[in-house]
């Protein structure tokens, strides 16, 4: 059995839902994980923000506008009267939940409840559509088996046990549909796996059920060698190792949730990236196999803050780095890059929500310099640090001011910290020259 995940664009219209139906209706049993229809989660986030800001009337207006959009979609999708009425009744119940949320006090729990409704809508509608088309389909509620622990990590034992129970209690079908993204937290409240988390849902289920392959279907034909939003003439990569894919996802490749490959790599369950709009395209196969050495792909991660921590006594001060890291541990802030010298440590973070208290603590032990609006450009490939042409990338970037370099921490990754204003120019320079170097 395989797990197939389809993103918001893939189920964003009746035409696209029909494409998905044609892709999955091949006579083989499969589990299908769906995101919310494209644009829905953004609108639900906006509704939550209006409630938080006290704009109740605006939130209610947005809820009613979104409800009309779904009712129109149901009429276009479902011609069978009984199914049409059933789904409209369900849609009404979801929007009644959202209207009741507008009366509540803003909180993280309320936010999680609001943004979860998109996946509940898309899966219910699509399940009814398959039944209308004569396909034997069943709907599995992710809230019956998907759970995270107190550290916001998937509770794999709980998921495996409860998924098997839900699956076995469901009438046998050809297609089993469930929601991506949403889950329960350790207290049993509605939560989520963060934006892009439907990919993560798919590989968690794949690992729990030991499937033969997980497929991630989006609107692009696989992982590209550079960011096609900013750079022309990019191309999809046919094969990546788990390590390479994980590096690219973490450092900004939007096609994958950063944790996507983590659940499946231990059992060597391959992950295939495919294009819903071009199902025949090869896409990208992620597995434990490595191919050619050298730089394969480039990704960029924005919203980075660089912190330089300088202490003239650092070299002689036993435990100085321990004190520095304890500050970030206290405020649950992870570090992306780090470089050291005799008198200073420079590091980066991508979450500045606790920046002020962190700086207050650090200021007690060192002199601090902060640079915001930075980007990490990550160059990824098998054994990239050992490739004979890798050194040439620094010649290419001689016109770009590089704030930090991380080289050697991983044999598959070289990271450069630059000002975000230089990002597009840097990506284009690398694209124009670097891949030509690698292939010669």
Protein backbone atom coordinates (compact mmCIF):
# COMPACT_ATOMS: atom_id res chain seq x y z
CA UNK A 1 0.00 0.00 0.00
CA UNK A 2 1.10 3.59 -0.65
CA UNK A 3 0.33 6.91 1.02
CA UNK A 4 -0.40 9.81 -1.34
CA UNK A 5 -0.56 13.38 -0.06
CA UNK A 6 -2.14 16.17 -2.12
CA UNK A 7 -1.55 19.82 -1.31
CA UNK A 8 -3.95 22.75 -1.28
CA UNK A 9 -3.55 23.63 -4.96
CA UNK A 10 -4.18 20.00 -5.92
CA UNK A 11 -7.62 20.17 -4.29
CA UNK A 12 -8.12 23.90 -4.86
CA UNK A 13 -10.81 23.62 -7.56
CA UNK A 14 -13.29 21.14 -9.01
CA UNK A 15 -11.01 20.64 -12.01
CA UNK A 16 -8.04 19.88 -9.81
CA UNK A 17 -10.06 17.53 -7.59
CA UNK A 18 -11.00 15.67 -10.78
CA UNK A 19 -7.30 15.37 -11.64
CA UNK A 20 -6.62 13.93 -8.19
CA UNK A 21 -9.48 11.46 -8.61
CA UNK A 22 -8.00 10.27 -11.90
CA UNK A 23 -4.54 9.87 -10.36
CA UNK A 24 -5.65 7.79 -7.39
CA UNK A 25 -8.26 5.69 -9.19
CA UNK A 26 -5.87 3.06 -10.54
CA UNK A 27 -7.28 -0.07 -8.91
CA UNK A 28 -4.75 -0.15 -6.06
CA UNK A 29 -5.63 0.42 -2.42
CA UNK A 30 -4.09 3.56 -0.94
CA UNK A 31 -4.26 6.09 1.85
CA UNK A 32 -4.81 9.66 0.67
CA UNK A 33 -3.85 12.63 2.85
CA UNK A 34 -5.36 16.00 1.91
CA UNK A 35 -4.54 19.59 2.76
CA UNK A 36 -7.18 22.30 2.96
CA UNK A 37 -8.27 23.87 -0.33
CA UNK A 38 -5.75 26.49 -1.45
CA UNK A 39 -6.28 29.83 0.27
CA UNK A 40 -8.50 28.43 3.02
CA UNK A 41 -5.87 28.18 5.76
CA UNK A 42 -4.72 31.74 5.04
CA UNK A 43 -8.30 32.95 5.38
CA UNK A 44 -8.78 31.02 8.62
CA UNK A 45 -5.58 32.52 10.00
CA UNK A 46 -6.90 35.98 9.10
CA UNK A 47 -10.21 35.23 10.83
CA UNK A 48 -8.35 34.15 13.94
CA UNK A 49 -6.31 37.36 13.87
CA UNK A 50 -9.47 39.47 13.61
CA UNK A 51 -10.91 37.69 16.65
CA UNK A 52 -7.67 38.25 18.54
CA UNK A 53 -7.69 41.96 17.63
CA UNK A 54 -11.31 42.35 18.72
CA UNK A 55 -12.75 42.78 15.20
CA UNK A 56 -15.61 40.36 15.73
CA UNK A 57 -17.87 41.78 12.99
CA UNK A 58 -15.08 41.62 10.41
CA UNK A 59 -14.33 38.02 11.42
CA UNK A 60 -17.99 37.05 11.04
CA UNK A 61 -18.15 38.71 7.62
CA UNK A 62 -15.10 36.74 6.47
CA UNK A 63 -16.60 33.51 7.81
CA UNK A 64 -19.82 34.07 5.87
CA UNK A 65 -17.92 34.94 2.68
CA UNK A 66 -15.86 31.76 2.96
CA UNK A 67 -19.01 29.72 3.60
CA UNK A 68 -20.57 30.97 0.35
CA UNK A 69 -17.41 29.96 -1.52
CA UNK A 70 -17.73 26.42 -0.19
CA UNK A 71 -21.42 26.17 -1.00
CA UNK A 72 -20.71 27.20 -4.59
CA UNK A 73 -17.91 24.61 -4.77
CA UNK A 74 -20.21 21.87 -3.44
CA UNK A 75 -22.79 22.63 -6.14
CA UNK A 76 -20.12 22.45 -8.85
CA UNK A 77 -18.60 19.26 -7.44
CA UNK A 78 -21.63 17.20 -6.46
CA UNK A 79 -24.57 16.70 -8.79
CA UNK A 80 -25.98 13.72 -6.89
CA UNK A 81 -28.71 15.29 -4.74
CA UNK A 82 -28.33 13.15 -1.63
CA UNK A 83 -24.57 13.70 -1.45
CA UNK A 84 -24.97 17.41 -2.21
CA UNK A 85 -27.39 17.86 0.69
CA UNK A 86 -25.23 15.78 3.04
CA UNK A 87 -22.07 17.79 2.32
CA UNK A 88 -23.91 21.13 2.57
CA UNK A 89 -25.19 20.05 5.98
CA UNK A 90 -21.64 19.25 7.02
CA UNK A 91 -20.36 22.56 5.63
CA UNK A 92 -23.03 24.36 7.66
CA UNK A 93 -21.91 22.57 10.83
CA UNK A 94 -18.26 23.59 10.24
CA UNK A 95 -19.17 27.22 9.73
CA UNK A 96 -21.39 27.18 12.80
CA UNK A 97 -18.26 26.10 14.70
CA UNK A 98 -16.37 29.05 13.21
CA UNK A 99 -19.17 31.47 14.10
CA UNK A 100 -19.12 30.19 17.68
CA UNK A 101 -15.36 30.75 17.73
CA UNK A 102 -15.98 34.43 16.96
CA UNK A 103 -17.73 34.66 20.33
CA UNK A 104 -14.81 33.19 22.29
CA UNK A 105 -11.72 34.79 23.82
CA UNK A 106 -8.62 34.53 21.66
CA UNK A 107 -6.09 31.86 22.67
CA UNK A 108 -3.71 29.39 21.09
CA UNK A 109 -6.30 26.65 21.55
CA UNK A 110 -8.90 28.74 19.74
CA UNK A 111 -6.46 29.48 16.90
CA UNK A 112 -5.70 25.77 16.48
CA UNK A 113 -9.41 24.96 16.43
CA UNK A 114 -10.10 27.57 13.75
CA UNK A 115 -7.29 26.61 11.36
CA UNK A 116 -8.17 22.90 11.65
CA UNK A 117 -11.50 23.37 9.89
CA UNK A 118 -9.99 23.63 6.40
CA UNK A 119 -8.77 20.03 6.29
CA UNK A 120 -12.05 18.77 7.74
CA UNK A 121 -13.91 20.50 4.90
CA UNK A 122 -11.68 19.35 2.04
CA UNK A 123 -11.62 15.69 3.08
CA UNK A 124 -15.38 15.45 3.65
CA UNK A 125 -16.10 17.03 0.26
CA UNK A 126 -13.57 14.90 -1.60
CA UNK A 127 -14.77 11.68 0.02
CA UNK A 128 -18.31 12.44 -1.15
CA UNK A 129 -17.00 13.26 -4.65
CA UNK A 130 -15.27 9.86 -4.91
CA UNK A 131 -18.43 8.09 -3.83
CA UNK A 132 -20.38 10.01 -6.48
CA UNK A 133 -17.85 8.81 -9.06
CA UNK A 134 -18.39 5.19 -8.03
CA UNK A 135 -15.14 4.80 -6.10
CA UNK A 136 -15.22 2.85 -2.85
CA UNK A 137 -13.85 5.41 -0.37
CA UNK A 138 -13.84 5.86 3.40
CA UNK A 139 -12.98 8.83 5.57
CA UNK A 140 -10.62 8.42 8.54
CA UNK A 141 -10.49 11.24 11.09
CA UNK A 142 -6.89 12.25 11.83
CA UNK A 143 -8.11 13.44 15.23
CA UNK A 144 -8.75 9.78 16.12
CA UNK A 145 -5.10 8.77 15.75
CA UNK A 146 -2.72 11.68 15.07
CA UNK A 147 -1.20 13.07 18.28
CA UNK A 148 1.86 15.07 19.37
CA UNK A 149 3.59 14.92 22.74
CA UNK A 150 4.57 17.71 25.14
CA UNK A 151 7.59 18.51 22.95
CA UNK A 152 5.32 18.86 19.88
CA UNK A 153 6.82 15.72 18.37
CA UNK A 154 4.59 12.95 16.94
CA UNK A 155 3.69 10.32 19.51
CA UNK A 156 4.54 7.42 17.19
CA UNK A 157 3.46 4.62 19.52
CA UNK A 158 0.06 6.24 20.07
CA UNK A 159 -0.32 6.96 16.34
CA UNK A 160 0.56 3.41 15.28
CA UNK A 161 -1.77 1.79 17.80
CA UNK A 162 -4.72 4.07 17.10
CA UNK A 163 -4.26 4.25 13.34
CA UNK A 164 -4.38 0.46 13.10
CA UNK A 165 -7.52 0.43 15.25
CA UNK A 166 -9.27 3.11 13.17
CA UNK A 167 -8.18 1.49 9.91
CA UNK A 168 -9.33 -1.97 10.96
CA UNK A 169 -12.69 -0.64 12.24
CA UNK A 170 -13.39 1.08 8.90
CA UNK A 171 -15.30 -0.81 6.19
CA UNK A 172 -12.89 -2.11 3.55
CA UNK A 173 -12.40 0.43 0.78
CA UNK A 174 -10.16 1.15 -2.18
CA UNK A 175 -9.30 4.68 -1.01
CA UNK A 176 -8.88 5.76 2.61
CA UNK A 177 -8.93 9.54 3.01
CA UNK A 178 -7.65 11.49 5.98
CA UNK A 179 -6.62 15.01 6.95
CA UNK A 180 -3.09 16.30 6.88
CA UNK A 181 -1.78 18.98 9.25
CA UNK A 182 -4.24 18.53 12.13
CA UNK A 183 -3.71 16.44 15.26
CA UNK A 184 -4.32 16.36 19.00
CA UNK A 185 -1.83 17.67 21.55
CA UNK A 186 -0.73 15.83 24.70
CA UNK A 187 -3.83 17.13 26.53
CA UNK A 188 -6.21 15.90 23.83
CA UNK A 189 -6.91 19.38 22.41
CA UNK A 190 -6.92 20.15 18.68
CA UNK A 191 -3.46 21.16 17.48
CA UNK A 192 -1.42 20.93 14.28
CA UNK A 193 1.95 20.05 12.77
CA UNK A 194 2.61 23.66 11.64
CA UNK A 195 2.29 25.03 8.12
CA UNK A 196 3.11 22.47 5.47
CA UNK A 197 2.43 19.73 8.01
CA UNK A 198 0.37 17.57 5.65
CA UNK A 199 3.65 16.23 4.21
CA UNK A 200 4.65 15.26 7.74
CA UNK A 201 1.28 13.57 8.32
CA UNK A 202 1.81 11.46 5.20
CA UNK A 203 5.24 10.17 6.22
CA UNK A 204 4.16 9.59 9.85
CA UNK A 205 1.31 7.40 8.58
CA UNK A 206 3.66 5.77 6.10
CA UNK A 207 6.10 4.87 8.87
CA UNK A 208 3.35 3.65 11.22
CA UNK A 209 1.81 1.46 8.52
CA UNK A 210 5.14 0.42 6.91
CA UNK A 211 3.92 1.31 3.42
CA UNK A 212 5.97 0.70 0.28
CA UNK A 213 6.15 4.40 -0.71
CA UNK A 214 4.94 7.86 0.25
CA UNK A 215 4.09 10.26 -2.56
CA UNK A 216 3.85 14.04 -2.09
CA UNK A 217 1.79 15.60 -4.89
CA UNK A 218 2.01 19.37 -5.42
CA UNK A 219 1.85 21.83 -8.31
CA UNK A 220 5.54 21.53 -9.24
CA UNK A 221 7.39 18.59 -10.78
CA UNK A 222 9.67 17.68 -7.88
CA UNK A 223 12.41 19.38 -5.90
CA UNK A 224 14.22 21.92 -8.08
CA UNK A 225 17.92 22.70 -8.03
CA UNK A 226 17.12 26.31 -7.07
CA UNK A 227 14.08 28.34 -6.04
CA UNK A 228 11.92 28.78 -9.18
CA UNK A 229 10.08 31.69 -7.54
CA UNK A 230 13.22 33.81 -7.83
CA UNK A 231 15.45 32.11 -10.40
CA UNK A 232 14.83 31.24 -14.04
CA UNK A 233 16.02 28.05 -15.77
CA UNK A 234 15.84 25.78 -12.74
CA UNK A 235 15.21 22.07 -13.21
CA UNK A 236 13.86 19.22 -11.08
CA UNK A 237 16.31 16.83 -9.43
CA UNK A 238 15.57 13.19 -10.24
CA UNK A 239 17.09 11.65 -7.09
CA UNK A 240 18.02 12.85 -3.60
CA UNK A 241 19.18 11.06 -0.49
CA UNK A 242 17.26 11.44 2.77
CA UNK A 243 20.10 13.60 4.12
CA UNK A 244 20.08 15.91 1.10
CA UNK A 245 16.29 16.30 1.14
CA UNK A 246 16.27 17.00 4.88
CA UNK A 247 18.91 19.73 4.51
CA UNK A 248 17.03 21.40 1.65
CA UNK A 249 13.68 21.26 3.43
CA UNK A 250 15.10 22.69 6.66
CA UNK A 251 16.88 25.49 4.87
CA UNK A 252 13.97 26.79 2.85
CA UNK A 253 12.83 24.45 0.07
CA UNK A 254 9.09 25.12 0.32
CA UNK A 255 8.01 21.93 -1.42
CA UNK A 256 8.62 19.90 1.76
CA UNK A 257 7.87 20.32 5.46
CA UNK A 258 11.25 20.32 7.26
CA UNK A 259 10.51 17.09 9.16
CA UNK A 260 9.01 15.18 6.22
CA UNK A 261 11.68 12.50 5.77
CA UNK A 262 12.36 11.93 9.48
CA UNK A 263 9.70 9.23 10.14
CA UNK A 264 10.45 7.10 7.05
CA UNK A 265 14.24 7.16 6.72
CA UNK A 266 14.82 4.52 9.43
CA UNK A 267 12.71 1.99 7.52
CA UNK A 268 13.98 3.18 4.14
CA UNK A 269 10.50 4.01 2.86
CA UNK A 270 11.05 6.12 -0.28
CA UNK A 271 9.34 9.47 -0.72
CA UNK A 272 8.42 10.54 -4.24
CA UNK A 273 7.59 14.16 -5.14
CA UNK A 274 5.11 14.42 -8.01
CA UNK A 275 3.18 17.08 -9.95
CA UNK A 276 -0.62 16.83 -9.91
CA UNK A 277 -0.78 18.93 -13.09
CA UNK A 278 1.72 16.66 -14.90
CA UNK A 279 1.37 13.16 -13.46
CA UNK A 280 3.67 11.58 -16.06
CA UNK A 281 6.67 13.72 -15.06
CA UNK A 282 9.32 11.76 -13.13
CA UNK A 283 9.47 14.19 -10.20
CA UNK A 284 12.01 13.56 -7.43
CA UNK A 285 12.68 10.26 -5.66
CA UNK A 286 14.05 10.56 -2.11
CA UNK A 287 15.64 7.38 -0.73
CA UNK A 288 18.73 6.11 1.08
CA UNK A 289 20.65 5.92 -2.19
CA UNK A 290 23.25 8.56 -2.99
CA UNK A 291 24.26 9.56 -6.48
CA UNK A 292 26.90 11.92 -7.83
CA UNK A 293 28.95 14.11 -5.52
CA UNK A 294 29.00 17.89 -5.63
CA UNK A 295 26.34 20.56 -5.25
CA UNK A 296 22.91 19.40 -6.41
CA UNK A 297 20.60 22.11 -5.17
CA UNK A 298 20.34 25.48 -3.46
CA UNK A 299 17.73 26.70 -0.97
CA UNK A 300 17.33 29.95 0.94
CA UNK A 301 15.77 30.57 4.34
CA UNK A 302 14.61 34.11 5.21
CA UNK A 303 13.76 35.78 8.51
CA UNK A 304 17.14 35.04 10.07
CA UNK A 305 18.63 37.05 12.94
CA UNK A 306 22.40 36.96 13.48
CA UNK A 307 23.82 37.50 16.97
CA UNK A 308 27.51 38.15 17.62
CA UNK A 309 28.54 37.43 21.22
CA UNK A 310 31.95 38.90 22.01
CA UNK A 311 34.01 38.35 25.16
CA UNK A 312 37.71 39.18 25.45
CA UNK A 313 38.00 36.50 28.13
CA UNK A 314 36.15 33.82 26.23
CA UNK A 315 39.17 31.70 25.30
CA UNK A 316 40.23 31.41 28.93
CA UNK A 317 36.70 31.29 30.39
CA UNK A 318 35.76 27.67 31.08
CA UNK A 319 32.02 27.08 30.52
CA UNK A 320 31.41 30.26 28.52
CA UNK A 321 29.76 28.47 25.59
CA UNK A 322 27.67 26.42 28.04
CA UNK A 323 26.30 29.67 29.50
CA UNK A 324 25.51 30.97 26.01
CA UNK A 325 23.63 27.84 24.96
CA UNK A 326 21.73 27.68 28.25
CA UNK A 327 20.21 31.09 27.45
CA UNK A 328 18.77 29.77 24.18
CA UNK A 329 17.63 26.57 25.88
CA UNK A 330 15.80 28.58 28.55
CA UNK A 331 13.82 30.46 25.89
CA UNK A 332 13.33 27.36 23.69
CA UNK A 333 15.01 28.99 20.70
CA UNK A 334 16.95 26.79 18.30
CA UNK A 335 20.18 27.81 16.58
CA UNK A 336 20.69 27.33 12.83
CA UNK A 337 24.33 28.31 12.24
CA UNK A 338 27.26 28.90 14.53
CA UNK A 339 30.88 30.01 14.07
CA UNK A 340 33.50 30.74 16.70
CA UNK A 341 36.77 32.63 17.05
CA UNK A 342 39.09 33.22 19.99
CA UNK A 343 37.02 36.11 21.30
CA UNK A 344 33.55 35.76 19.77
CA UNK A 345 30.70 33.45 18.87
CA UNK A 346 28.36 34.27 15.98
CA UNK A 347 25.11 32.37 15.62
CA UNK A 348 21.75 32.62 13.90
CA UNK A 349 18.14 32.02 14.92
CA UNK A 350 14.98 31.90 12.80
CA UNK A 351 12.55 32.63 15.64
CA UNK A 352 12.96 36.04 17.28
CA UNK A 353 9.84 35.90 19.47
CA UNK A 354 12.05 35.77 22.57
CA UNK A 355 14.88 37.88 21.21
CA UNK A 356 14.64 40.68 23.80
CA UNK A 357 14.95 38.48 26.91
CA UNK A 358 17.70 36.46 25.18
CA UNK A 359 19.70 39.62 24.51
CA UNK A 360 19.13 40.81 28.08
CA UNK A 361 20.63 37.58 29.42
CA UNK A 362 23.54 37.55 26.97
CA UNK A 363 24.34 41.18 27.71
CA UNK A 364 25.27 40.13 31.25
CA UNK A 365 28.17 38.01 30.04
CA UNK A 366 29.34 39.58 26.76
CA UNK A 367 29.10 42.43 24.26
CA UNK A 368 26.27 41.78 21.80
CA UNK A 369 25.77 42.78 18.14
CA UNK A 370 22.55 41.96 16.30
CA UNK A 371 21.84 41.89 12.55
CA UNK A 372 18.29 41.29 11.38
CA UNK A 373 16.89 40.79 7.86
CA UNK A 374 19.39 38.05 7.06
CA UNK A 375 19.03 34.95 4.85
CA UNK A 376 20.78 31.58 4.92
CA UNK A 377 21.69 30.26 1.48
CA UNK A 378 22.25 26.52 1.71
CA UNK A 379 24.15 24.51 -0.91
CA UNK A 380 23.39 20.80 -0.71
CA UNK A 381 24.79 17.68 -2.31
CA UNK A 382 26.34 14.34 -1.44
CA UNK A 383 29.79 14.86 0.08
CA UNK A 384 29.71 18.45 -1.13
CA UNK A 385 32.55 19.57 1.13
CA UNK A 386 34.88 17.09 -0.57
CA UNK A 387 34.08 17.99 -4.18
CA UNK A 388 36.99 19.34 -6.21
CA UNK A 389 35.06 22.34 -7.57
CA UNK A 390 33.35 23.45 -4.37
CA UNK A 391 35.97 26.10 -3.59
CA UNK A 392 35.00 27.97 -6.75
CA UNK A 393 31.69 29.08 -5.27
CA UNK A 394 33.57 31.67 -3.20
CA UNK A 395 35.01 33.15 -6.41
CA UNK A 396 31.53 33.40 -7.83
CA UNK A 397 30.30 35.29 -4.77
CA UNK A 398 33.16 37.76 -4.53
CA UNK A 399 30.69 40.62 -5.05
CA UNK A 400 28.39 39.45 -2.23
CA UNK A 401 29.09 40.32 1.39
CA UNK A 402 29.00 37.05 3.35
CA UNK A 403 28.28 37.47 7.06
CA UNK A 404 28.96 33.87 8.13
CA UNK A 405 29.98 30.55 6.56
CA UNK A 406 29.18 27.09 7.90
CA UNK A 407 31.47 24.55 6.22
CA UNK A 408 32.29 21.07 7.45
CA UNK A 409 29.58 20.66 10.06
CA UNK A 410 27.85 18.38 7.56
CA UNK A 411 29.52 16.82 4.54
CA UNK A 412 26.32 17.43 2.58
CA UNK A 413 25.81 21.13 3.30
CA UNK A 414 27.56 24.48 3.00
CA UNK A 415 25.61 27.44 4.40
CA UNK A 416 26.20 31.13 3.76
CA UNK A 417 24.63 33.95 5.77
CA UNK A 418 23.92 37.06 3.70
CA UNK A 419 21.76 40.16 3.87
CA UNK A 420 18.26 39.33 2.60
CA UNK A 421 18.50 42.18 0.09
CA UNK A 422 21.27 40.20 -1.65
CA UNK A 423 19.36 36.90 -1.73
CA UNK A 424 17.90 36.91 -5.24
CA UNK A 425 21.15 38.16 -6.78
CA UNK A 426 23.08 35.46 -4.91
CA UNK A 427 20.72 32.67 -5.96
CA UNK A 428 20.92 33.78 -9.60
CA UNK A 429 24.73 34.00 -9.56
CA UNK A 430 24.98 30.52 -8.12
CA UNK A 431 22.47 29.18 -10.63
CA UNK A 432 24.28 30.75 -13.59
CA UNK A 433 27.70 29.37 -12.74
CA UNK A 434 27.79 26.74 -10.04
CA UNK A 435 25.95 23.86 -11.68
CA UNK A 436 28.06 24.26 -14.78
CA UNK A 437 31.14 23.86 -12.58
CA UNK A 438 29.78 20.73 -10.96
CA UNK A 439 29.13 19.01 -14.27
CA UNK A 440 32.60 19.62 -15.68
